[in-house]
């Protein structure tokens, strides 16, 4: 009888810590491997960095396009365009220039 009581005492001493360890491992694995866990957080951070880089490139391209189209607005004339318009309207040019008139 003493052996059975001793086995029960030792099992009780081992079962609860083992159960808590299993629960801790279960939640620890889900903390790392879950859809909202630490690995998913790293993937989201990488996607965020890629999107930020793409946004920066698109912003730079948009600014460049805005600069190019600014010359097309009425009332704003680029110095080269102004010289070309003056030569066309005044029918004047420099001696070393070749003028090809369109329509």
C-alpha atoms as a PDB file:
ATOM      1  CA  UNK A   1       0.000   0.000   0.000  1.00  0.00           C
ATOM      2  CA  UNK A   2       2.833   2.383   0.719  1.00  0.00           C
ATOM      3  CA  UNK A   3       4.106   1.934  -2.840  1.00  0.00           C
ATOM      4  CA  UNK A   4       0.757   2.943  -4.371  1.00  0.00           C
ATOM      5  CA  UNK A   5       0.556   6.069  -2.180  1.00  0.00           C
ATOM      6  CA  UNK A   6       4.137   7.008  -3.059  1.00  0.00           C
ATOM      7  CA  UNK A   7       3.395   6.592  -6.804  1.00  0.00           C
ATOM      8  CA  UNK A   8       0.277   8.803  -6.468  1.00  0.00           C
ATOM      9  CA  UNK A   9       2.297  11.517  -4.682  1.00  0.00           C
ATOM     10  CA  UNK A  10       5.011  11.497  -7.341  1.00  0.00           C
ATOM     11  CA  UNK A  11       2.468  11.496 -10.154  1.00  0.00           C
ATOM     12  CA  UNK A  12       0.698  14.462  -8.589  1.00  0.00           C
ATOM     13  CA  UNK A  13       4.017  16.266  -8.329  1.00  0.00           C
ATOM     14  CA  UNK A  14       4.712  15.601 -12.018  1.00  0.00           C
ATOM     15  CA  UNK A  15       1.257  15.828 -13.628  1.00  0.00           C
ATOM     16  CA  UNK A  16       0.435  19.485 -12.834  1.00  0.00           C
ATOM     17  CA  UNK A  17       3.762  20.957 -13.913  1.00  0.00           C
ATOM     18  CA  UNK A  18       3.641  18.773 -17.038  1.00  0.00           C
ATOM     19  CA  UNK A  19       0.089  19.955 -17.819  1.00  0.00           C
ATOM     20  CA  UNK A  20       1.072  23.595 -17.381  1.00  0.00           C
ATOM     21  CA  UNK A  21       4.149  23.058 -19.545  1.00  0.00           C
ATOM     22  CA  UNK A  22       1.969  21.539 -22.292  1.00  0.00           C
ATOM     23  CA  UNK A  23      -0.439  24.479 -22.129  1.00  0.00           C
ATOM     24  CA  UNK A  24       2.478  26.944 -22.245  1.00  0.00           C
ATOM     25  CA  UNK A  25       3.978  25.166 -25.264  1.00  0.00           C
ATOM     26  CA  UNK A  26       0.587  25.143 -26.999  1.00  0.00           C
ATOM     27  CA  UNK A  27       0.102  28.879 -26.576  1.00  0.00           C
ATOM     28  CA  UNK A  28       3.753  29.587 -27.372  1.00  0.00           C
ATOM     29  CA  UNK A  29       3.522  27.744 -30.677  1.00  0.00           C
ATOM     30  CA  UNK A  30       0.353  29.634 -31.587  1.00  0.00           C
ATOM     31  CA  UNK A  31       1.974  32.916 -30.580  1.00  0.00           C
ATOM     32  CA  UNK A  32       4.676  32.348 -33.175  1.00  0.00           C
ATOM     33  CA  UNK A  33       2.971  30.330 -35.928  1.00  0.00           C
ATOM     34  CA  UNK A  34      -0.584  31.712 -35.922  1.00  0.00           C
ATOM     35  CA  UNK A  35      -2.073  33.883 -38.698  1.00  0.00           C
ATOM     36  CA  UNK A  36      -1.707  36.831 -36.340  1.00  0.00           C
ATOM     37  CA  UNK A  37       1.501  35.664 -34.682  1.00  0.00           C
ATOM     38  CA  UNK A  38       5.074  36.880 -34.754  1.00  0.00           C
ATOM     39  CA  UNK A  39       5.908  35.351 -38.140  1.00  0.00           C
ATOM     40  CA  UNK A  40       2.859  37.011 -39.693  1.00  0.00           C
ATOM     41  CA  UNK A  41       3.975  40.294 -38.131  1.00  0.00           C
ATOM     42  CA  UNK A  42       7.320  40.003 -39.933  1.00  0.00           C
ATOM     43  CA  UNK A  43       5.530  39.370 -43.245  1.00  0.00           C
ATOM     44  CA  UNK A  44       3.300  42.408 -42.659  1.00  0.00           C
ATOM     45  CA  UNK A  45       6.363  44.538 -41.891  1.00  0.00           C
ATOM     46  CA  UNK A  46       8.019  43.426 -45.137  1.00  0.00           C
ATOM     47  CA  UNK A  47       4.855  44.204 -47.115  1.00  0.00           C
ATOM     48  CA  UNK A  48       4.645  47.599 -45.434  1.00  0.00           C
ATOM     49  CA  UNK A  49       8.260  48.399 -46.331  1.00  0.00           C
ATOM     50  CA  UNK A  50       7.667  47.347 -49.957  1.00  0.00           C
ATOM     51  CA  UNK A  51       4.513  49.469 -50.141  1.00  0.00           C
ATOM     52  CA  UNK A  52       6.350  52.458 -48.661  1.00  0.00           C
ATOM     53  CA  UNK A  53       9.119  52.104 -51.264  1.00  0.00           C
ATOM     54  CA  UNK A  54       6.541  51.840 -54.048  1.00  0.00           C
ATOM     55  CA  UNK A  55       4.751  54.920 -52.701  1.00  0.00           C
ATOM     56  CA  UNK A  56       8.026  56.859 -52.708  1.00  0.00           C
ATOM     57  CA  UNK A  57       8.740  55.866 -56.318  1.00  0.00           C
ATOM     58  CA  UNK A  58       5.212  56.740 -57.446  1.00  0.00           C
ATOM     59  CA  UNK A  59       5.353  60.073 -55.626  1.00  0.00           C
ATOM     60  CA  UNK A  60       8.625  60.909 -57.375  1.00  0.00           C
ATOM     61  CA  UNK A  61       7.140  59.949 -60.740  1.00  0.00           C
ATOM     62  CA  UNK A  62       4.016  62.027 -60.056  1.00  0.00           C
ATOM     63  CA  UNK A  63       6.084  65.081 -59.168  1.00  0.00           C
ATOM     64  CA  UNK A  64       8.129  64.669 -62.358  1.00  0.00           C
ATOM     65  CA  UNK A  65       4.941  64.416 -64.433  1.00  0.00           C
ATOM     66  CA  UNK A  66       3.506  67.483 -62.737  1.00  0.00           C
ATOM     67  CA  UNK A  67       6.671  69.421 -63.609  1.00  0.00           C
ATOM     68  CA  UNK A  68       6.424  68.336 -67.230  1.00  0.00           C
ATOM     69  CA  UNK A  69       2.765  69.215 -67.550  1.00  0.00           C
ATOM     70  CA  UNK A  70       3.228  72.571 -65.819  1.00  0.00           C
ATOM     71  CA  UNK A  71       4.666  73.887 -69.109  1.00  0.00           C
ATOM     72  CA  UNK A  72       1.355  73.143 -70.826  1.00  0.00           C
ATOM     73  CA  UNK A  73      -0.738  75.417 -68.630  1.00  0.00           C
ATOM     74  CA  UNK A  74      -1.920  78.661 -70.197  1.00  0.00           C
ATOM     75  CA  UNK A  75      -0.113  81.684 -68.867  1.00  0.00           C
ATOM     76  CA  UNK A  76       3.069  79.785 -68.053  1.00  0.00           C
ATOM     77  CA  UNK A  77       5.737  79.876 -70.712  1.00  0.00           C
ATOM     78  CA  UNK A  78       9.095  78.146 -70.686  1.00  0.00           C
ATOM     79  CA  UNK A  79      11.974  80.371 -71.905  1.00  0.00           C
ATOM     80  CA  UNK A  80      12.773  78.029 -74.821  1.00  0.00           C
ATOM     81  CA  UNK A  81       9.115  77.895 -75.784  1.00  0.00           C
ATOM     82  CA  UNK A  82       8.895  81.677 -75.573  1.00  0.00           C
ATOM     83  CA  UNK A  83      11.854  82.077 -77.935  1.00  0.00           C
ATOM     84  CA  UNK A  84      10.342  79.584 -80.371  1.00  0.00           C
ATOM     85  CA  UNK A  85       6.983  81.345 -80.334  1.00  0.00           C
ATOM     86  CA  UNK A  86       8.603  84.750 -80.836  1.00  0.00           C
ATOM     87  CA  UNK A  87      10.615  83.506 -83.830  1.00  0.00           C
ATOM     88  CA  UNK A  88       7.524  81.885 -85.343  1.00  0.00           C
ATOM     89  CA  UNK A  89       5.275  84.926 -84.903  1.00  0.00           C
ATOM     90  CA  UNK A  90       7.915  87.453 -85.950  1.00  0.00           C
ATOM     91  CA  UNK A  91       9.271  85.252 -88.744  1.00  0.00           C
ATOM     92  CA  UNK A  92      12.802  85.860 -87.544  1.00  0.00           C
ATOM     93  CA  UNK A  93      15.695  83.539 -86.838  1.00  0.00           C
ATOM     94  CA  UNK A  94      19.429  83.496 -86.338  1.00  0.00           C
ATOM     95  CA  UNK A  95      21.688  83.387 -89.403  1.00  0.00           C
ATOM     96  CA  UNK A  96      22.974  79.870 -88.642  1.00  0.00           C
ATOM     97  CA  UNK A  97      19.528  78.358 -88.066  1.00  0.00           C
ATOM     98  CA  UNK A  98      17.556  76.255 -90.479  1.00  0.00           C
ATOM     99  CA  UNK A  99      13.843  76.850 -90.138  1.00  0.00           C
ATOM    100  CA  UNK A 100      11.391  74.185 -91.218  1.00  0.00           C
ATOM    101  CA  UNK A 101       7.853  75.427 -91.065  1.00  0.00           C
ATOM    102  CA  UNK A 102       5.022  73.042 -90.509  1.00  0.00           C
ATOM    103  CA  UNK A 103       1.394  73.658 -91.296  1.00  0.00           C
END
